[in-house]
Protein backbone atom coordinates (compact mmCIF):
# COMPACT_ATOMS: atom_id res chain seq x y z
CA UNK A 1 73.31 116.21 103.51
CA UNK A 2 69.72 116.49 102.43
CA UNK A 3 66.38 115.97 104.12
CA UNK A 4 65.39 116.59 107.72
CA UNK A 5 68.17 114.77 109.48
CA UNK A 6 70.63 115.63 112.19
CA UNK A 7 73.49 114.31 110.07
CA UNK A 8 75.85 116.79 108.44
CA UNK A 9 78.28 116.87 105.50
CA UNK A 10 81.97 117.09 106.21
CA UNK A 11 84.64 118.87 104.20
CA UNK A 12 88.43 118.63 104.40
CA UNK A 13 90.84 120.85 102.49
CA UNK A 14 94.49 120.95 101.54
CA UNK A 15 96.92 123.28 103.28
CA UNK A 16 96.41 125.92 100.59
CA UNK A 17 92.97 126.80 101.98
CA UNK A 18 93.87 126.71 105.69
CA UNK A 19 95.41 130.12 106.41
CA UNK A 20 92.53 132.23 105.14
CA UNK A 21 89.98 130.10 107.00
CA UNK A 22 91.94 130.21 110.27
CA UNK A 23 92.00 134.02 110.12
CA UNK A 24 88.29 134.29 109.36
CA UNK A 25 87.55 132.01 112.35
CA UNK A 26 88.35 134.82 114.77
CA UNK A 27 87.01 137.65 112.60
CA UNK A 28 83.61 135.96 112.42
CA UNK A 29 83.22 135.04 116.09
CA UNK A 30 80.01 137.06 116.49
CA UNK A 31 78.63 135.42 113.37
CA UNK A 32 79.48 132.08 114.94
CA UNK A 33 77.25 132.85 117.92
CA UNK A 34 74.37 133.70 115.58
CA UNK A 35 75.02 130.55 113.58
CA UNK A 36 74.81 128.45 116.75
CA UNK A 37 71.35 129.91 117.33
CA UNK A 38 70.33 128.88 113.83
CA UNK A 39 71.19 125.27 114.67
CA UNK A 40 68.57 125.36 117.41
CA UNK A 41 66.03 126.95 115.08
CA UNK A 42 66.57 124.75 112.04
CA UNK A 43 67.02 121.41 113.79
CA UNK A 44 64.89 121.86 116.88
CA UNK A 45 62.00 119.91 115.37
CA UNK A 46 64.09 116.75 114.92
CA UNK A 47 66.60 116.88 117.79
CA UNK A 48 67.23 118.12 121.30
CA UNK A 49 70.22 120.43 120.95
CA UNK A 50 72.65 121.91 123.42
CA UNK A 51 76.09 123.45 123.45
CA UNK A 52 78.09 122.72 126.58
CA UNK A 53 81.44 123.88 127.95
CA UNK A 54 83.50 120.95 129.17
CA UNK A 55 86.88 120.50 130.75
CA UNK A 56 89.27 117.63 131.33
CA UNK A 57 92.72 116.91 132.74
CA UNK A 58 95.78 118.94 131.67
CA UNK A 59 97.58 117.89 128.48
CA UNK A 60 99.67 114.74 128.99
CA UNK A 61 102.69 116.34 127.30
CA UNK A 62 103.64 120.01 127.29
CA UNK A 63 106.80 121.63 125.96
CA UNK A 64 107.43 123.53 129.20
CA UNK A 65 105.86 121.85 132.27
CA UNK A 66 106.75 124.82 134.51
CA UNK A 67 105.23 127.47 132.23
CA UNK A 68 102.27 129.50 133.48
CA UNK A 69 99.07 127.54 132.86
CA UNK A 70 100.91 124.39 131.80
CA UNK A 71 98.89 122.26 134.21
CA UNK A 72 95.55 123.96 133.68
CA UNK A 73 92.68 121.73 132.60
CA UNK A 74 91.76 121.55 128.92
CA UNK A 75 88.51 123.41 128.23
CA UNK A 76 86.42 123.11 125.10
CA UNK A 77 82.92 123.54 123.67
CA UNK A 78 80.83 120.54 122.60
CA UNK A 79 77.63 120.24 120.61
CA UNK A 80 75.00 117.73 121.74
CA UNK A 81 72.35 116.38 119.37
CA UNK A 82 69.73 113.89 120.60
CA UNK A 83 67.10 112.73 118.05
CA UNK A 84 63.54 113.42 119.20
CA UNK A 85 62.00 110.30 117.67
CA UNK A 86 63.92 107.81 119.87
CA UNK A 87 62.47 105.91 122.80
CA UNK A 88 63.98 107.61 125.86
CA UNK A 89 63.55 104.41 127.87
CA UNK A 90 66.01 102.54 125.66
CA UNK A 91 69.78 102.72 125.26
CA UNK A 92 71.34 103.96 122.02
CA UNK A 93 74.89 104.25 120.67
CA UNK A 94 76.77 107.42 121.49
CA UNK A 95 78.42 108.98 118.44
CA UNK A 96 81.39 111.10 119.48
CA UNK A 97 83.21 113.38 117.05
CA UNK A 98 86.41 114.16 118.96
CA UNK A 99 88.37 117.36 118.42
CA UNK A 100 91.70 115.55 118.36
CA UNK A 101 93.61 118.81 117.94
CA UNK A 102 92.01 119.42 114.53
CA UNK A 103 90.09 122.67 114.13
CA UNK A 104 86.53 122.37 112.84
CA UNK A 105 83.67 124.74 112.12
CA UNK A 106 79.94 124.05 112.31
CA UNK A 107 77.88 126.35 110.12
CA UNK A 108 74.40 126.70 108.66
CA UNK A 109 75.42 129.59 106.37
CA UNK A 110 74.75 128.21 102.90
CA UNK A 111 76.74 131.02 101.29
CA UNK A 112 79.81 130.03 103.28
CA UNK A 113 79.26 126.36 102.52
CA UNK A 114 78.96 127.14 98.80
CA UNK A 115 82.37 128.86 98.96
CA UNK A 116 83.89 125.70 100.38
CA UNK A 117 82.33 123.47 97.72
CA UNK A 118 81.94 124.88 94.19
CA UNK A 119 78.71 123.96 92.44
CA UNK A 120 76.98 122.90 95.65
CA UNK A 121 73.19 122.59 95.66
CA UNK A 122 72.29 124.35 98.91
CA UNK A 123 68.50 123.95 98.70
CA UNK A 124 68.36 120.94 101.06
CA UNK A 125 71.33 121.66 103.33
CA UNK A 126 70.78 122.04 107.06
CA UNK A 127 74.42 122.51 107.99
CA UNK A 128 78.01 121.53 107.35
CA UNK A 129 81.25 120.82 109.20
CA UNK A 130 84.50 122.21 107.84
CA UNK A 131 87.93 120.79 108.78
CA UNK A 132 90.52 123.25 107.40
CA UNK A 133 93.53 121.42 108.84
CA UNK A 134 92.66 117.83 107.91
CA UNK A 135 94.95 115.91 105.62
CA UNK A 136 95.10 112.59 103.86
CA UNK A 137 97.47 109.92 102.65
CA UNK A 138 97.49 107.63 99.65
CA UNK A 139 97.51 104.03 100.98
CA UNK A 140 99.23 102.67 97.87
CA UNK A 141 102.16 105.09 97.84
CA UNK A 142 102.37 104.92 101.62
CA UNK A 143 102.58 101.12 101.60
CA UNK A 144 105.17 101.21 98.82
CA UNK A 145 107.39 103.70 100.64
CA UNK A 146 107.10 101.85 103.94
CA UNK A 147 108.08 98.63 102.16
CA UNK A 148 111.09 100.31 100.54
CA UNK A 149 112.27 101.60 103.92
CA UNK A 150 111.73 98.15 105.44
CA UNK A 151 113.92 96.59 102.74
CA UNK A 152 116.73 98.95 103.68
CA UNK A 153 116.46 97.65 107.24
CA UNK A 154 116.78 94.03 106.11
CA UNK A 155 113.12 92.99 105.76
CA UNK A 156 112.45 90.49 102.98
CA UNK A 157 109.14 90.49 101.08
CA UNK A 158 107.88 87.39 99.28
CA UNK A 159 105.53 88.44 96.49
CA UNK A 160 103.44 86.23 94.22
CA UNK A 161 103.32 83.30 96.64
CA UNK A 162 100.45 82.28 98.90
CA UNK A 163 100.47 80.87 102.42
CA UNK A 164 99.07 77.35 102.17
CA UNK A 165 99.39 76.18 105.78
CA UNK A 166 100.60 77.25 109.21
CA UNK A 167 102.85 74.93 111.19
CA UNK A 168 101.66 74.48 114.79
CA UNK A 169 103.44 72.29 117.35
CA UNK A 170 102.29 71.99 120.98
CA UNK A 171 99.91 74.90 120.39
CA UNK A 172 102.78 77.16 119.32
CA UNK A 173 103.55 78.71 115.93
CA UNK A 174 106.63 77.20 114.32
CA UNK A 175 106.31 78.59 110.80
CA UNK A 176 104.32 78.37 107.58
CA UNK A 177 104.31 76.69 104.19
CA UNK A 178 103.63 78.53 100.92
CA UNK A 179 101.94 77.26 97.77
CA UNK A 180 105.33 77.01 96.03
CA UNK A 181 106.61 74.66 98.75
CA UNK A 182 108.69 77.24 100.59
CA UNK A 183 108.96 76.65 104.36
CA UNK A 184 109.44 79.68 106.58
CA UNK A 185 110.42 79.12 110.21
CA UNK A 186 109.16 81.74 112.65
CA UNK A 187 107.75 82.28 116.17
CA UNK A 188 105.07 84.82 115.30
CA UNK A 189 102.49 85.13 112.52
CA UNK A 190 100.08 88.07 112.19
CA UNK A 191 96.83 87.39 110.40
CA UNK A 192 96.17 90.62 108.50
CA UNK A 193 94.54 88.90 105.53
CA UNK A 194 91.42 91.06 105.32
CA UNK A 195 88.57 89.21 103.65
CA UNK A 196 90.68 86.02 103.71
CA UNK A 197 91.23 86.24 107.46
CA UNK A 198 88.73 83.45 108.23
CA UNK A 199 90.52 81.10 105.86
CA UNK A 200 93.95 81.92 107.33
CA UNK A 201 92.65 81.50 110.88
CA UNK A 202 91.45 77.99 110.08
CA UNK A 203 95.04 77.08 109.18
CA UNK A 204 95.89 77.73 112.83
CA UNK A 205 92.86 75.80 114.07
CA UNK A 206 90.79 78.90 114.91
CA UNK A 207 87.27 79.15 113.47
CA UNK A 208 86.05 82.74 113.00
CA UNK A 209 83.24 81.91 110.57
CA UNK A 210 80.49 82.89 113.01
CA UNK A 211 82.32 85.85 114.52
CA UNK A 212 83.08 88.14 111.58
CA UNK A 213 81.21 89.24 108.48
CA UNK A 214 82.34 90.26 105.01
CA UNK A 215 80.33 92.81 103.03
CA UNK A 216 80.78 94.63 99.76
CA UNK A 217 81.44 98.34 99.26
CA UNK A 218 81.89 99.98 95.88
CA UNK A 219 83.66 102.90 94.28
CA UNK A 220 83.66 104.70 90.94
CA UNK A 221 86.17 106.77 88.99
CA UNK A 222 85.19 109.48 86.52
CA UNK A 223 86.91 110.76 83.42
CA UNK A 224 89.67 113.33 83.79
CA UNK A 225 88.94 117.01 84.12
CA UNK A 226 90.95 120.11 85.11
CA UNK A 227 91.68 120.20 88.85
CA UNK A 228 89.04 122.26 90.66
CA UNK A 229 87.60 120.20 93.53
CA UNK A 230 89.94 120.59 96.49
CA UNK A 231 87.64 119.22 99.18
CA UNK A 232 87.02 115.68 100.32
CA UNK A 233 83.22 115.72 100.46
CA UNK A 234 81.34 113.42 102.84
CA UNK A 235 77.57 113.18 102.37
CA UNK A 236 75.74 111.91 105.46
CA UNK A 237 72.40 111.40 103.75
CA UNK A 238 70.49 108.63 105.62
CA UNK A 239 70.03 106.55 102.44
CA UNK A 240 72.62 107.88 100.00
CA UNK A 241 75.70 108.41 102.13
CA UNK A 242 79.01 108.53 100.32
CA UNK A 243 82.19 110.51 99.85
CA UNK A 244 84.29 111.71 96.93
CA UNK A 245 87.33 113.77 96.02
CA UNK A 246 89.22 114.72 92.89
CA UNK A 247 92.55 112.90 92.69
CA UNK A 248 95.72 113.52 90.70
CA UNK A 249 96.33 109.95 89.55
CA UNK A 250 99.41 110.93 87.54
CA UNK A 251 101.25 112.69 90.36
CA UNK A 252 101.10 115.87 92.46
CA UNK A 253 101.96 118.14 89.53
CA UNK A 254 99.23 116.88 87.23
CA UNK A 255 96.82 119.55 85.95
CA UNK A 256 93.96 117.08 85.55
CA UNK A 257 92.40 114.54 87.85
CA UNK A 258 89.58 112.04 88.23
CA UNK A 259 86.87 112.08 90.86
CA UNK A 260 86.99 108.98 93.05
CA UNK A 261 83.75 108.23 94.90
CA UNK A 262 82.84 105.53 97.43
CA UNK A 263 79.44 104.31 98.59
CA UNK A 264 78.24 102.45 101.68
CA UNK A 265 75.01 100.48 101.06
CA UNK A 266 72.18 101.08 103.54
CA UNK A 267 71.62 97.33 103.72
CA UNK A 268 74.94 95.41 103.82
CA UNK A 269 75.74 93.20 100.84
CA UNK A 270 77.30 90.18 102.54
CA UNK A 271 79.58 87.68 100.83
CA UNK A 272 82.74 87.42 98.74
CA UNK A 273 81.19 88.80 95.55
CA UNK A 274 83.37 91.60 94.16
CA UNK A 275 81.40 92.23 90.95
CA UNK A 276 80.23 95.84 90.79
CA UNK A 277 76.55 96.36 90.00
CA UNK A 278 74.07 99.04 89.00
CA UNK A 279 72.57 99.19 92.52
CA UNK A 280 75.68 100.74 94.06
CA UNK A 281 76.75 102.59 90.92
CA UNK A 282 73.44 104.42 90.57
CA UNK A 283 73.33 105.35 94.24
CA UNK A 284 76.86 106.68 94.21
CA UNK A 285 75.88 108.91 91.29
CA UNK A 286 72.70 110.05 93.09
CA UNK A 287 74.67 110.88 96.23
CA UNK A 288 77.04 113.08 94.25
CA UNK A 289 74.33 114.79 92.22
CA UNK A 290 72.30 115.64 95.33
CA UNK A 291 75.21 117.81 96.39
CA UNK A 292 76.84 118.79 93.11
CA UNK A 293 74.40 118.69 90.18
CA UNK A 294 77.02 120.45 88.04
CA UNK A 295 78.71 117.03 87.65
CA UNK A 296 75.77 115.46 85.81
CA UNK A 297 77.57 115.37 82.44
CA UNK A 298 80.82 113.91 83.77
CA UNK A 299 81.40 110.39 82.48
CA UNK A 300 82.09 107.37 84.69
CA UNK A 301 85.12 105.44 83.44
CA UNK A 302 84.95 102.41 85.73
CA UNK A 303 83.62 101.06 89.00
CA UNK A 304 85.01 98.49 91.41
CA UNK A 305 83.92 96.52 94.47
CA UNK A 306 85.92 95.48 97.52
CA UNK A 307 85.26 94.03 100.94
CA UNK A 308 84.88 95.33 104.45
CA UNK A 309 85.50 92.89 107.29
CA UNK A 310 83.93 93.53 110.68
CA UNK A 311 81.90 92.07 113.51
CA UNK A 312 78.74 92.91 115.40
CA UNK A 313 80.36 94.97 118.18
CA UNK A 314 82.30 97.08 115.70
CA UNK A 315 85.51 96.40 117.66
CA UNK A 316 88.44 95.19 115.54
CA UNK A 317 90.26 91.96 116.44
CA UNK A 318 93.84 92.87 117.31
CA UNK A 319 96.15 90.84 119.52
CA UNK A 320 96.98 87.30 120.67
CA UNK A 321 94.89 84.18 120.22
CA UNK A 322 94.61 80.79 121.91
CA UNK A 323 97.52 79.62 119.73
CA UNK A 324 100.78 81.05 121.10
CA UNK A 325 102.47 83.20 118.46
CA UNK A 326 99.42 83.53 116.20
CA UNK A 327 98.16 87.12 116.26
CA UNK A 328 95.18 88.89 114.71
CA UNK A 329 94.86 92.30 113.07
CA UNK A 330 91.51 92.14 111.27
CA UNK A 331 87.88 93.37 111.19
CA UNK A 332 88.56 97.11 110.94
CA UNK A 333 85.50 97.73 108.75
CA UNK A 334 87.51 99.59 106.12
CA UNK A 335 89.64 101.57 108.60
CA UNK A 336 92.71 99.32 108.60
CA UNK A 337 94.99 101.82 106.87
CA UNK A 338 94.11 104.59 109.31
CA UNK A 339 94.64 102.32 112.32
CA UNK A 340 97.75 100.57 110.98
CA UNK A 341 100.52 102.64 112.64
CA UNK A 342 99.02 102.26 116.11
CA UNK A 343 98.12 98.61 115.55
CA UNK A 344 101.65 97.77 114.39
CA UNK A 345 103.21 99.46 117.41
CA UNK A 346 100.82 97.80 119.88
CA UNK A 347 101.33 94.34 118.34
CA UNK A 348 105.13 94.64 118.23
CA UNK A 349 105.20 95.92 121.80
CA UNK A 350 102.99 93.03 122.95
CA UNK A 351 105.25 90.47 121.25
CA UNK A 352 108.42 91.89 122.79
CA UNK A 353 107.12 92.47 126.32
CA UNK A 354 104.82 89.46 126.56
CA UNK A 355 101.99 91.72 127.78
CA UNK A 356 99.06 92.90 125.69
CA UNK A 357 99.43 96.61 125.05
CA UNK A 358 96.66 98.75 126.65
CA UNK A 359 95.64 100.13 123.25
CA UNK A 360 94.35 96.73 122.13
CA UNK A 361 93.17 95.14 125.37
CA UNK A 362 89.51 95.35 124.29
CA UNK A 363 90.21 94.01 120.79
CA UNK A 364 90.09 90.35 121.80
CA UNK A 365 88.98 87.43 119.64
CA UNK A 366 86.13 86.87 122.06
CA UNK A 367 83.41 89.43 121.37
CA UNK A 368 83.70 92.26 123.96
CA UNK A 369 80.76 92.51 126.34
CA UNK A 370 78.92 95.80 126.82
CA UNK A 371 81.33 97.54 124.44
CA UNK A 372 80.55 98.58 120.89
CA UNK A 373 81.79 101.01 118.30
CA UNK A 374 80.20 102.26 115.10
CA UNK A 375 82.48 102.75 112.12
CA UNK A 376 81.16 103.71 108.70
């Protein structure tokens, strides 16, 4: 967000702000061309920049396959940023921001950016990305509603009991035992235990201690205030990256809401410690105030710490293991909720068909070779 970097802030808005922005997209096309030129001017000292026109295969699914142009290739513009300070003789990760059917707008116009984000300090901004059609979901209410629907379909949930051991016979899953002494017979067990995944794996005779890491990320919640901040703000500052959004904790009709902010430490804080500390708390506040100094007098009500689980390659572990019937769905580096629908489908399909679904073929327990992914 600030400083001479090629990183950019990202904004997402509710549906209420989408229509006006979509209309202005076409009205300001000439301004867009000028704005593209400003990217070259403002960032040319730190990055090699280009804008290229690409094309790919036709859409996999179209409503009318015989319609005119239905089988034409997909064409789209792409921005390319290559940092100038890197060693061109070495290999570096490729960061791809896919379109995915979601409209986005690059801009360097600080007046436009200030309209998107009230109270924004524009003095250090090099540019911003605006996603007018992006949405979000509350993981708590989503999980609750999914569970309620599952109950209607006959699924039973056991709450307040802990798995103490997994029953393995002839290298096959036969069931599990809980701390209360309950025995559950089954053919398949999915390890989706998050930061306890290593412990659960050991119950099945699989040691992941040297393969995955656990690090701490923190969040804060402010006092209530009238609703005014519609955007989810993502600050890509190289040392103070974070994101925040005002939330209606008391329901969609609430007139007040708290700001919830999350922070990713520059240097990972490894271990099971979930005690929040001043290091993360102060940096979360600095990240916010760099962008929105008008929040300096807003009080912080509480902070909390939780874990991310990942591994060196950045590829999650999803799929079968050496123990027949024992499956993994771990190491998503904080992206488990977003990946959950696809993961669940791929795992269920693999169990039923006996073949690993293509979506998760690279997500093996053994660290993938020559494949990596960066998730933040």
